[in-house]
Amino acid sequence: MIFKDSVYGDVIFKDKVFVDLINTDLMKRLKKINQGGPFVLLRPDHKWRNLKTTRFDHSIGVCILLKKFDSSLEEQIAGLLHDVSHTVFSHALDFLFNRNVQHDYHEMFHDQMILNSNVPSILKECDFDVHDFLDEKKFTLLEKELPDLCADRIDYFFRFMLEYGKISKKQIDDIFNAFLIHDNEIILSDITQARFFAEKYIEANTLSWCNPLQASFFHTVSETLKIAISKGIVTKRDLFTTDDEVINKLRGTNDAKIKEMLNLMHDIEVIEGNKDYDIHLKSKVRYTDPKILIDGKISRLSEIDDEYKKLMKNFIAERSKGFFVKIRRKEN
């Protein structure tokens, strides 16, 4: 199987296990879940409407990245499967279940969704035990806690910034060429590339991942779903279908409150201010502090770059406060 990837180019999957897993319903569902959230609910000219990356794209990308890092076949499989339990609307759903700071609601269903699928039989046929893939934390190239680097974190950063037009393929290649695998973790060999990655990662937060508009939009989405679930328009089971299926249910109802909320999301406007506000919202604060190998010594970027240390600390302190906002419909 040849997969044409927007970040890494053409990649060949030779092993039967990958071909079979990629073709499961569990994986195919991810093609219909936007990586960033339900941006289709925004007005057509909104800057986020052009972000089309799906959870499927990202899952394939993580697998490819692990392959490029020469990780074990098992870790590559774990990377491919790491997002199969993602809900519709991606991390917007975390706001519905009070996981807006952690962004981890979907992880609670990871094992269950894999075990209740045909993935175990596919793995068994290829001489793997499904239980070896349920604990992602043992795969340290795939997943690491902030502020370390991992394949998951690197891939979604590359995809978002490339699609947003804030990084080029050449810059991605330059960063990748500076990666090293040391003691089974991803570090960098070049301080310039480490600084570029870390600063751009913070920029991605300000553009979309953790800003007043994102938090307000996700909050509004979650409030809409809360109403829809309470009225039986949407079920909790629907949250594990696809974006379009849930959006069609919301758009297809004659409920006046749902229609009002959809109109609000379509033309959402956010006014920020900690003195005159309606609601205080928080979202996950993402940042990295890459480890760098220089002259045989490993240090974090912040330990050898005072300017980045200050930038990172200020960013964490400011974004951790959350956002004091008024949410209203923009007047035409």
Protein backbone atom coordinates (compact mmCIF):
# COMPACT_ATOMS: atom_id res chain seq x y z
CA MET A 1 0.00 0.00 0.00
CA ILE A 2 1.34 3.44 -0.96
CA PHE A 3 0.08 6.31 1.14
CA LYS A 4 0.48 9.87 -0.14
CA ASP A 5 1.06 12.03 2.91
CA SER A 6 0.96 15.83 2.86
CA VAL A 7 3.89 16.10 5.29
CA TYR A 8 6.15 13.12 4.58
CA GLY A 9 5.39 12.36 0.93
CA ASP A 10 4.79 8.88 -0.49
CA VAL A 11 5.21 6.11 2.08
CA ILE A 12 4.95 2.37 1.39
CA PHE A 13 3.27 0.11 3.95
CA LYS A 14 4.51 -3.39 3.15
CA ASP A 15 3.43 -5.25 6.27
CA LYS A 16 0.03 -6.89 6.04
CA VAL A 17 -0.88 -5.78 9.55
CA PHE A 18 -0.82 -2.10 8.54
CA VAL A 19 -2.85 -2.64 5.38
CA ASP A 20 -5.48 -4.60 7.31
CA LEU A 21 -5.66 -2.13 10.21
CA ILE A 22 -5.87 0.93 7.95
CA ASN A 23 -8.86 -0.67 6.23
CA THR A 24 -10.83 -1.33 9.43
CA ASP A 25 -14.03 0.61 10.15
CA LEU A 26 -12.34 1.81 13.34
CA MET A 27 -9.66 3.62 11.33
CA LYS A 28 -11.93 4.69 8.44
CA ARG A 29 -14.19 6.55 10.90
CA LEU A 30 -11.27 8.88 11.67
CA LYS A 31 -11.37 10.16 8.08
CA LYS A 32 -14.58 11.96 9.03
CA ILE A 33 -13.33 13.66 12.18
CA ASN A 34 -11.57 16.99 11.74
CA GLN A 35 -8.29 17.15 13.65
CA GLY A 36 -8.95 20.65 14.96
CA GLY A 37 -12.66 20.57 15.69
CA PRO A 38 -16.04 21.24 14.03
CA PHE A 39 -14.74 24.20 12.03
CA VAL A 40 -17.42 23.62 9.38
CA LEU A 41 -19.85 25.27 11.81
CA LEU A 42 -18.01 28.58 11.41
CA ARG A 43 -18.84 31.05 8.64
CA PRO A 44 -17.32 30.13 5.24
CA ASP A 45 -14.72 32.92 5.28
CA HIS A 46 -13.37 32.03 8.72
CA LYS A 47 -9.63 31.25 8.73
CA TRP A 48 -10.18 27.89 10.46
CA ARG A 49 -12.58 26.63 7.79
CA ASN A 50 -9.57 25.82 5.57
CA LEU A 51 -8.12 23.38 8.11
CA LYS A 52 -9.09 20.00 6.68
CA THR A 53 -6.63 17.61 8.39
CA THR A 54 -8.43 14.61 9.86
CA ARG A 55 -7.70 12.30 12.76
CA PHE A 56 -6.98 9.64 10.13
CA ASP A 57 -4.32 11.82 8.49
CA HIS A 58 -2.70 12.39 11.88
CA SER A 59 -2.83 8.71 12.89
CA ILE A 60 -1.16 7.66 9.64
CA GLY A 61 1.36 10.47 10.13
CA VAL A 62 2.31 9.32 13.62
CA CYS A 63 2.84 5.80 12.30
CA ILE A 64 5.00 7.12 9.45
CA LEU A 65 7.03 9.26 11.82
CA LEU A 66 7.68 6.29 14.09
CA LYS A 67 8.71 4.29 11.03
CA LYS A 68 11.17 7.06 10.11
CA PHE A 69 12.55 6.91 13.66
CA ASP A 70 13.15 3.15 13.20
CA SER A 71 10.91 2.33 16.14
CA SER A 72 9.66 -1.19 16.71
CA LEU A 73 6.84 -2.59 14.59
CA GLU A 74 4.76 -2.74 17.78
CA GLU A 75 5.24 0.96 18.45
CA GLN A 76 4.31 1.83 14.88
CA ILE A 77 1.08 -0.15 15.28
CA ALA A 78 0.36 1.58 18.58
CA GLY A 79 0.91 4.90 16.83
CA LEU A 80 -1.52 4.00 14.09
CA LEU A 81 -4.19 3.07 16.67
CA HIS A 82 -3.56 5.80 19.23
CA ASP A 83 -6.52 8.01 18.21
CA VAL A 84 -9.16 5.41 17.30
CA SER A 85 -11.33 6.37 20.27
CA HIS A 86 -11.46 10.07 19.42
CA THR A 87 -14.91 11.55 19.68
CA VAL A 88 -16.53 13.69 17.03
CA PHE A 89 -15.45 17.35 17.06
CA SER A 90 -12.05 16.34 18.49
CA HIS A 91 -11.12 18.30 21.62
CA ALA A 92 -14.25 20.43 21.59
CA LEU A 93 -15.88 17.47 23.36
CA ASP A 94 -13.47 17.83 26.29
CA PHE A 95 -15.33 21.01 27.20
CA LEU A 96 -18.57 19.03 27.44
CA PHE A 97 -17.11 16.61 29.97
CA ASN A 98 -15.00 19.08 31.99
CA ARG A 99 -11.72 17.84 30.53
CA ASN A 100 -10.96 21.13 28.77
CA VAL A 101 -7.63 21.56 30.56
CA GLN A 102 -6.53 17.94 30.06
CA HIS A 103 -7.92 17.25 26.55
CA ASP A 104 -8.09 13.53 27.32
CA TYR A 105 -11.75 12.49 27.43
CA HIS A 106 -11.37 10.18 24.42
CA GLU A 107 -8.53 8.27 26.08
CA MET A 108 -10.99 6.72 28.54
CA PHE A 109 -12.47 4.69 25.67
CA HIS A 110 -9.31 3.67 23.84
CA ASP A 111 -9.04 0.10 25.12
CA GLN A 112 -12.78 -0.56 24.95
CA MET A 113 -13.11 0.51 21.32
CA ILE A 114 -10.12 -1.55 20.22
CA LEU A 115 -11.23 -4.68 22.12
CA ASN A 116 -14.77 -4.41 20.72
CA SER A 117 -13.54 -4.20 17.13
CA ASN A 118 -11.91 -6.62 14.69
CA VAL A 119 -8.48 -5.23 15.57
CA PRO A 120 -7.68 -8.06 18.04
CA SER A 121 -8.31 -10.73 15.39
CA ILE A 122 -6.24 -8.82 12.81
CA LEU A 123 -3.36 -8.54 15.25
CA LYS A 124 -3.65 -12.20 16.26
CA GLU A 125 -3.54 -13.27 12.62
CA CYS A 126 -0.25 -11.35 12.31
CA ASP A 127 1.14 -12.92 15.52
CA PHE A 128 0.51 -9.93 17.80
CA ASP A 129 -1.39 -9.80 21.08
CA VAL A 130 -3.81 -6.87 21.31
CA HIS A 131 -3.08 -6.44 25.02
CA ASP A 132 0.46 -5.40 24.16
CA PHE A 133 -0.95 -2.24 22.54
CA LEU A 134 -3.34 -1.01 25.22
CA ASP A 135 -0.79 0.78 27.40
CA GLU A 136 0.51 3.59 25.20
CA LYS A 137 2.77 4.99 27.91
CA LYS A 138 5.22 2.15 27.44
CA PHE A 139 5.86 3.39 23.90
CA THR A 140 8.06 6.36 24.74
CA LEU A 141 8.67 7.54 21.18
CA LEU A 142 4.92 7.63 20.61
CA GLU A 143 3.81 9.38 23.82
CA LYS A 144 5.59 11.55 26.37
CA GLU A 145 4.29 14.06 28.86
CA LEU A 146 4.80 17.77 28.21
CA PRO A 147 7.29 19.37 27.71
CA ASP A 148 9.09 16.47 26.01
CA LEU A 149 8.91 15.61 22.33
CA CYS A 150 7.06 12.57 21.01
CA ALA A 151 5.79 11.39 17.64
CA ASP A 152 2.20 12.35 18.45
CA ARG A 153 3.16 15.90 19.44
CA ILE A 154 5.57 16.39 16.55
CA ASP A 155 3.15 15.16 13.89
CA TYR A 156 0.16 17.29 14.86
CA PHE A 157 2.45 20.30 15.10
CA PHE A 158 3.90 19.71 11.62
CA ARG A 159 0.44 19.17 10.11
CA PHE A 160 -1.19 22.19 11.66
CA MET A 161 1.59 24.66 10.94
CA LEU A 162 2.07 23.41 7.37
CA GLU A 163 -1.66 23.65 6.65
CA TYR A 164 -1.85 27.07 8.33
CA GLY A 165 1.03 28.30 6.18
CA LYS A 166 3.31 29.07 9.10
CA ILE A 167 6.00 26.52 8.29
CA SER A 168 7.38 25.11 5.04
CA LYS A 169 8.25 21.59 3.95
CA LYS A 170 11.91 22.68 3.88
CA GLN A 171 11.70 23.83 7.49
CA ILE A 172 10.04 20.56 8.49
CA ASP A 173 12.85 18.63 6.80
CA ASP A 174 15.45 20.75 8.60
CA ILE A 175 13.86 20.04 11.96
CA PHE A 176 13.52 16.34 11.20
CA ASN A 177 17.20 16.10 10.23
CA ALA A 178 18.09 17.48 13.67
CA PHE A 179 16.13 14.82 15.57
CA LEU A 180 18.02 12.10 17.42
CA ILE A 181 16.83 9.01 19.26
CA HIS A 182 18.67 8.87 22.57
CA ASP A 183 17.77 6.41 25.35
CA ASN A 184 14.51 5.74 23.54
CA GLU A 185 13.37 9.34 23.47
CA ILE A 186 13.32 12.04 20.81
CA ILE A 187 15.81 14.86 21.29
CA LEU A 188 17.57 17.36 19.01
CA SER A 189 21.17 17.85 17.95
CA ASP A 190 20.92 21.50 16.95
CA ILE A 191 19.98 24.39 19.23
CA THR A 192 18.80 26.54 16.31
CA GLN A 193 16.29 23.89 15.22
CA ALA A 194 15.27 23.24 18.83
CA ARG A 195 14.53 26.94 19.34
CA PHE A 196 12.67 27.18 16.05
CA PHE A 197 10.50 24.16 16.90
CA ALA A 198 9.75 25.34 20.44
CA GLU A 199 8.92 28.92 19.43
CA LYS A 200 6.72 27.79 16.53
CA TYR A 201 4.97 25.35 18.86
CA ILE A 202 4.02 28.24 21.13
CA GLU A 203 2.91 30.20 18.07
CA ALA A 204 0.57 27.34 17.13
CA ASN A 205 -1.13 27.77 20.49
CA THR A 206 -1.70 31.46 19.94
CA LEU A 207 -3.07 30.79 16.44
CA SER A 208 -5.55 28.08 17.37
CA TRP A 209 -4.78 25.56 20.10
CA CYS A 210 -5.15 27.74 23.19
CA ASN A 211 -6.66 31.17 22.64
CA PRO A 212 -9.88 33.02 23.55
CA LEU A 213 -11.64 32.17 20.29
CA GLN A 214 -10.81 28.46 20.48
CA ALA A 215 -11.96 28.20 24.10
CA SER A 216 -15.13 30.19 23.40
CA PHE A 217 -15.99 28.23 20.26
CA PHE A 218 -15.39 24.87 21.94
CA HIS A 219 -17.45 26.00 24.95
CA THR A 220 -20.32 27.01 22.67
CA VAL A 221 -20.12 23.69 20.82
CA SER A 222 -20.24 21.79 24.12
CA GLU A 223 -23.20 23.85 25.39
CA THR A 224 -25.06 23.11 22.15
CA LEU A 225 -24.40 19.40 22.52
CA LYS A 226 -25.46 19.52 26.16
CA ILE A 227 -28.84 20.90 25.09
CA ALA A 228 -29.12 18.42 22.21
CA ILE A 229 -28.36 15.45 24.47
CA SER A 230 -30.81 16.61 27.13
CA LYS A 231 -33.56 16.78 24.49
CA GLY A 232 -32.68 13.47 22.84
CA ILE A 233 -31.63 15.12 19.59
CA VAL A 234 -28.14 13.67 19.97
CA THR A 235 -27.15 10.64 22.05
CA LYS A 236 -23.86 9.96 23.79
CA ARG A 237 -23.39 7.06 21.37
CA ASP A 238 -23.52 9.59 18.53
CA LEU A 239 -20.39 11.22 19.94
CA PHE A 240 -18.40 8.24 18.65
CA THR A 241 -19.73 8.42 15.09
CA THR A 242 -18.57 11.19 12.71
CA ASP A 243 -18.64 14.97 12.59
CA ASP A 244 -21.16 15.05 9.74
CA GLU A 245 -23.57 12.67 11.42
CA VAL A 246 -23.81 14.83 14.54
CA ILE A 247 -23.85 18.10 12.60
CA ASN A 248 -26.70 16.81 10.45
CA LYS A 249 -28.69 15.97 13.57
CA LEU A 250 -28.11 19.46 14.97
CA ARG A 251 -28.97 21.16 11.69
CA GLY A 252 -31.93 18.90 11.07
CA THR A 253 -33.83 19.74 14.22
CA ASN A 254 -36.47 22.45 14.52
CA ASP A 255 -35.48 23.15 18.11
CA ALA A 256 -35.29 26.93 18.50
CA LYS A 257 -32.46 26.89 21.05
CA ILE A 258 -30.28 24.62 18.91
CA LYS A 259 -30.84 26.85 15.89
CA GLU A 260 -29.91 29.89 17.98
CA MET A 261 -26.67 28.21 19.10
CA LEU A 262 -25.79 27.19 15.54
CA ASN A 263 -26.29 30.77 14.40
CA LEU A 264 -24.09 31.96 17.25
CA MET A 265 -21.29 29.55 16.24
CA HIS A 266 -21.59 30.53 12.59
CA ASP A 267 -20.93 34.21 13.36
CA ILE A 268 -19.17 33.90 16.70
CA GLU A 269 -17.38 36.96 18.07
CA VAL A 270 -15.33 36.99 21.24
CA ILE A 271 -14.51 40.02 23.36
CA GLU A 272 -11.80 39.49 25.94
CA GLY A 273 -11.35 41.48 29.15
CA ASN A 274 -10.86 40.52 32.79
CA LYS A 275 -13.02 43.33 34.14
CA ASP A 276 -16.16 43.07 32.04
CA TYR A 277 -16.81 39.47 31.05
CA ASP A 278 -19.53 36.81 31.07
CA ILE A 279 -17.49 33.63 31.48
CA HIS A 280 -14.02 32.46 32.44
CA LEU A 281 -12.71 29.63 30.25
CA LYS A 282 -9.57 27.53 30.26
CA SER A 283 -8.03 25.26 27.65
CA LYS A 284 -5.00 22.98 27.59
CA VAL A 285 -1.72 24.89 27.67
CA ARG A 286 0.69 23.17 25.29
CA TYR A 287 4.41 23.92 25.16
CA THR A 288 7.68 22.10 24.63
CA ASP A 289 11.12 22.36 26.16
CA PRO A 290 13.15 20.03 23.93
CA LYS A 291 16.21 18.17 25.11
CA ILE A 292 19.35 18.89 23.10
CA LEU A 293 22.57 16.88 22.79
CA ILE A 294 25.55 19.24 22.47
CA ASP A 295 29.17 18.17 22.98
CA GLY A 296 28.07 14.96 24.64
CA LYS A 297 25.83 16.68 27.18
CA ILE A 298 22.04 16.69 27.23
CA SER A 299 20.27 19.86 28.34
CA ARG A 300 16.82 21.31 27.91
CA LEU A 301 16.49 24.32 25.64
CA SER A 302 15.44 26.50 28.57
CA GLU A 303 18.63 25.60 30.43
CA ILE A 304 20.87 26.99 27.70
CA ASP A 305 18.64 29.67 26.17
CA ASP A 306 17.53 32.34 28.62
CA GLU A 307 15.42 34.10 26.00
CA TYR A 308 13.36 30.98 25.35
CA LYS A 309 13.13 30.24 29.07
CA LYS A 310 11.55 33.65 29.59
CA LEU A 311 9.22 33.22 26.59
CA MET A 312 8.08 29.80 27.79
CA LYS A 313 7.50 30.87 31.39
CA ASN A 314 5.56 33.95 30.36
CA PHE A 315 3.46 31.91 27.94
CA ILE A 316 2.61 29.28 30.56
CA ALA A 317 1.79 31.88 33.19
CA GLU A 318 -0.40 33.94 30.88
CA ARG A 319 -2.32 31.10 29.23
CA SER A 320 -2.81 29.26 32.52
CA LYS A 321 -4.93 32.15 33.72
CA GLY A 322 -7.53 31.26 31.13
CA PHE A 323 -9.68 33.69 29.19
CA PHE A 324 -12.25 36.16 30.48
CA VAL A 325 -14.66 36.58 27.62
CA LYS A 326 -17.98 37.74 26.29
CA ILE A 327 -19.36 35.47 23.56
CA ARG A 328 -21.81 36.99 21.12
CA ARG A 329 -23.01 36.78 17.53
CA LYS A 330 -21.14 39.12 15.22
CA GLU A 331 -23.34 41.77 13.72
CA ASN A 332 -23.28 41.89 9.91
